[in-house]
Amino acid sequence: MDPHTGGALAWLAQGAASNLLDRLVDRALDGSPQSPAWPRPAGAPAGTVEISVRHHVTTKGRTPVILTLQEDGGHTGTVFSVVLGHTARIAVPGGRYFGAAMVIDPQRRTRSGPTLQGIGWSRLTVAARRTSPFLIPVQRPTAPVLLQLGLRKADGTPLFRL
């Protein structure tokens, strides 16, 4: 895993360590996911990215997915929730991006944290004035991957159960 990938997922984890993760999961389960919006005005003509998540597990009901999208080499981006199997559409300036997805098991939330069913990431180039499909394949997470990504709370405990 390259340093940029680890940095982008660590950025996501910082937000997830707060109450943001719980709010995003609740929003996805309530059926009112927030419409994603890019955090800053576009300097370049905008394109549209259609983000889909592919997970090997078939699920019943609504399975929340926490997505993040960052400009390549950037330190900020946007985090939003969708439901597994749905496609998120977001207008962004043309350019190169990094996207990550975390699939959360809503039935297995405990005091020690939510259960992570899958994690994945991918890079994308968005063409100005065009729609770009963006598939993020996710796989079952492992403890070494979570440690490598720094997915821990401030006190050092794991952010997710596996």
Protein backbone atom coordinates (compact mmCIF):
# COMPACT_ATOMS: atom_id res chain seq x y z
CA MET A 1 0.00 0.00 0.00
CA ASP A 2 1.43 3.35 -0.99
CA PRO A 3 1.74 6.25 1.49
CA HIS A 4 -1.06 8.21 -0.19
CA THR A 5 -3.51 5.34 0.22
CA GLY A 6 -2.65 4.96 3.89
CA GLY A 7 -2.90 8.73 4.42
CA ALA A 8 -6.29 8.98 2.76
CA LEU A 9 -7.72 6.09 4.77
CA ALA A 10 -6.22 7.50 7.97
CA TRP A 11 -8.00 10.77 7.18
CA LEU A 12 -11.23 8.81 6.85
CA ALA A 13 -10.52 7.04 10.13
CA GLN A 14 -10.05 10.34 11.95
CA GLY A 15 -13.56 11.34 10.96
CA ALA A 16 -14.89 7.87 11.66
CA ALA A 17 -13.40 7.89 15.15
CA SER A 18 -15.68 10.77 16.05
CA ASN A 19 -19.44 10.52 16.08
CA LEU A 20 -19.35 11.02 12.33
CA LEU A 21 -19.35 7.27 11.68
CA ASP A 22 -22.45 6.67 13.80
CA ARG A 23 -24.28 9.58 12.17
CA LEU A 24 -23.41 8.35 8.66
CA VAL A 25 -24.51 4.78 9.43
CA ASP A 26 -27.76 6.03 10.99
CA ARG A 27 -28.44 8.28 8.00
CA ALA A 28 -27.97 5.38 5.56
CA LEU A 29 -30.24 3.13 7.61
CA ASP A 30 -32.92 5.81 7.99
CA GLY A 31 -33.21 6.04 4.23
CA SER A 32 -32.23 9.71 4.08
CA PRO A 33 -28.61 9.71 2.93
CA GLN A 34 -27.16 13.17 2.48
CA SER A 35 -26.63 14.28 -1.08
CA PRO A 36 -22.88 14.39 -1.52
CA ALA A 37 -21.41 17.82 -2.18
CA TRP A 38 -17.83 18.71 -3.03
CA PRO A 39 -16.36 20.83 -0.21
CA ARG A 40 -14.91 23.66 -2.29
CA PRO A 41 -15.77 25.60 -5.44
CA ALA A 42 -14.52 24.10 -8.67
CA GLY A 43 -11.53 25.81 -10.28
CA ALA A 44 -11.85 23.57 -13.31
CA PRO A 45 -14.99 22.58 -15.22
CA ALA A 46 -16.94 19.98 -13.29
CA GLY A 47 -17.54 16.39 -14.22
CA THR A 48 -19.78 13.84 -12.55
CA VAL A 49 -18.55 10.72 -10.84
CA GLU A 50 -20.90 7.77 -10.28
CA ILE A 51 -19.53 5.75 -7.36
CA SER A 52 -20.52 2.10 -6.92
CA VAL A 53 -19.20 -0.37 -4.36
CA ARG A 54 -18.76 -4.04 -5.21
CA HIS A 55 -18.72 -6.41 -2.25
CA HIS A 56 -18.58 -10.21 -2.35
CA VAL A 57 -21.12 -10.58 0.46
CA THR A 58 -24.80 -10.64 -0.44
CA THR A 59 -26.85 -8.89 2.19
CA LYS A 60 -30.48 -8.59 3.07
CA GLY A 61 -31.84 -5.23 4.00
CA ARG A 62 -29.93 -1.98 4.04
CA THR A 63 -26.18 -2.25 4.49
CA PRO A 64 -24.48 1.12 5.05
CA VAL A 65 -21.35 2.05 3.15
CA ILE A 66 -19.20 4.98 4.23
CA LEU A 67 -17.48 6.58 1.23
CA THR A 68 -14.72 9.13 1.04
CA LEU A 69 -13.49 10.97 -2.01
CA GLN A 70 -10.29 13.04 -2.06
CA GLU A 71 -8.36 14.87 -4.72
CA ASP A 72 -5.13 13.00 -5.49
CA GLY A 73 -2.52 14.26 -3.04
CA GLY A 74 -5.10 16.31 -1.09
CA HIS A 75 -5.60 16.31 2.65
CA THR A 76 -9.34 16.97 2.66
CA GLY A 77 -12.30 15.67 0.78
CA THR A 78 -15.84 14.61 1.45
CA VAL A 79 -17.31 11.72 3.43
CA PHE A 80 -20.84 10.48 2.89
CA SER A 81 -22.98 7.40 3.28
CA VAL A 82 -24.81 5.26 0.77
CA VAL A 83 -26.50 1.89 0.86
CA LEU A 84 -24.69 -1.11 -0.59
CA GLY A 85 -25.96 -1.66 -4.13
CA HIS A 86 -26.86 2.00 -4.69
CA THR A 87 -24.85 4.44 -6.82
CA ALA A 88 -23.77 7.84 -5.50
CA ARG A 89 -23.47 10.71 -7.98
CA ILE A 90 -21.34 13.73 -7.16
CA ALA A 91 -20.18 16.70 -9.24
CA VAL A 92 -16.46 17.35 -8.82
CA PRO A 93 -13.84 19.38 -10.66
CA GLY A 94 -12.10 17.41 -13.40
CA GLY A 95 -8.93 15.74 -12.12
CA ARG A 96 -7.48 12.72 -10.33
CA TYR A 97 -9.13 11.33 -7.19
CA PHE A 98 -8.80 8.64 -4.55
CA GLY A 99 -11.93 6.94 -3.21
CA ALA A 100 -12.34 4.57 -0.28
CA ALA A 101 -15.29 2.56 1.00
CA MET A 102 -16.06 0.89 4.32
CA VAL A 103 -18.99 -1.56 4.47
CA ILE A 104 -20.49 -1.61 7.97
CA ASP A 105 -22.58 -4.44 9.41
CA PRO A 106 -25.53 -2.61 11.01
CA GLN A 107 -26.69 -5.71 12.90
CA ARG A 108 -23.43 -6.16 14.78
CA ARG A 109 -22.84 -2.83 16.54
CA THR A 110 -21.39 -3.09 20.03
CA ARG A 111 -19.95 -0.77 22.63
CA SER A 112 -16.48 -1.61 21.31
CA GLY A 113 -17.48 -0.30 17.89
CA PRO A 114 -19.19 -1.25 14.67
CA THR A 115 -18.29 -4.37 12.73
CA LEU A 116 -16.44 -3.74 9.49
CA GLN A 117 -17.55 -6.14 6.73
CA GLY A 118 -15.40 -4.78 3.96
CA ILE A 119 -12.86 -2.13 3.04
CA GLY A 120 -11.50 -1.06 -0.31
CA TRP A 121 -10.10 1.81 -2.32
CA SER A 122 -9.45 2.85 -5.86
CA ARG A 123 -8.10 5.74 -7.96
CA LEU A 124 -10.07 7.60 -10.60
CA THR A 125 -9.63 10.29 -13.22
CA VAL A 126 -12.70 12.48 -13.74
CA ALA A 127 -13.07 14.13 -17.13
CA ALA A 128 -14.50 17.65 -17.18
CA ARG A 129 -18.06 17.81 -18.49
CA ARG A 130 -18.36 14.01 -18.57
CA THR A 131 -19.76 11.28 -16.34
CA SER A 132 -17.13 8.88 -15.04
CA PRO A 133 -18.14 5.53 -13.53
CA PHE A 134 -16.11 4.66 -10.43
CA LEU A 135 -16.13 1.15 -8.96
CA ILE A 136 -14.61 0.53 -5.54
CA PRO A 137 -14.05 -3.19 -4.95
CA VAL A 138 -14.09 -4.07 -1.24
CA GLN A 139 -12.76 -7.15 0.48
CA ARG A 140 -13.05 -8.60 3.94
CA PRO A 141 -10.70 -6.63 6.22
CA THR A 142 -7.90 -8.22 8.20
CA ALA A 143 -6.33 -7.06 11.46
CA PRO A 144 -2.92 -6.37 9.80
CA VAL A 145 -4.58 -4.15 7.16
CA LEU A 146 -6.47 -2.19 9.82
CA LEU A 147 -3.26 -1.72 11.81
CA GLN A 148 -1.35 -0.63 8.72
CA LEU A 149 -4.05 1.91 7.90
CA GLY A 150 -4.11 3.29 11.44
CA LEU A 151 -7.80 2.59 11.96
CA ARG A 152 -7.66 3.10 15.72
CA LYS A 153 -9.32 5.43 18.19
CA ALA A 154 -7.29 8.07 20.01
CA ASP A 155 -6.84 5.72 22.99
CA GLY A 156 -5.31 3.02 20.71
CA THR A 157 -8.27 0.65 20.71
CA PRO A 158 -9.50 -0.68 17.37
CA LEU A 159 -12.02 1.51 15.60
CA PHE A 160 -13.88 -1.53 14.25
CA ARG A 161 -14.62 -5.11 15.16
CA LEU A 162 -13.86 -7.65 12.46
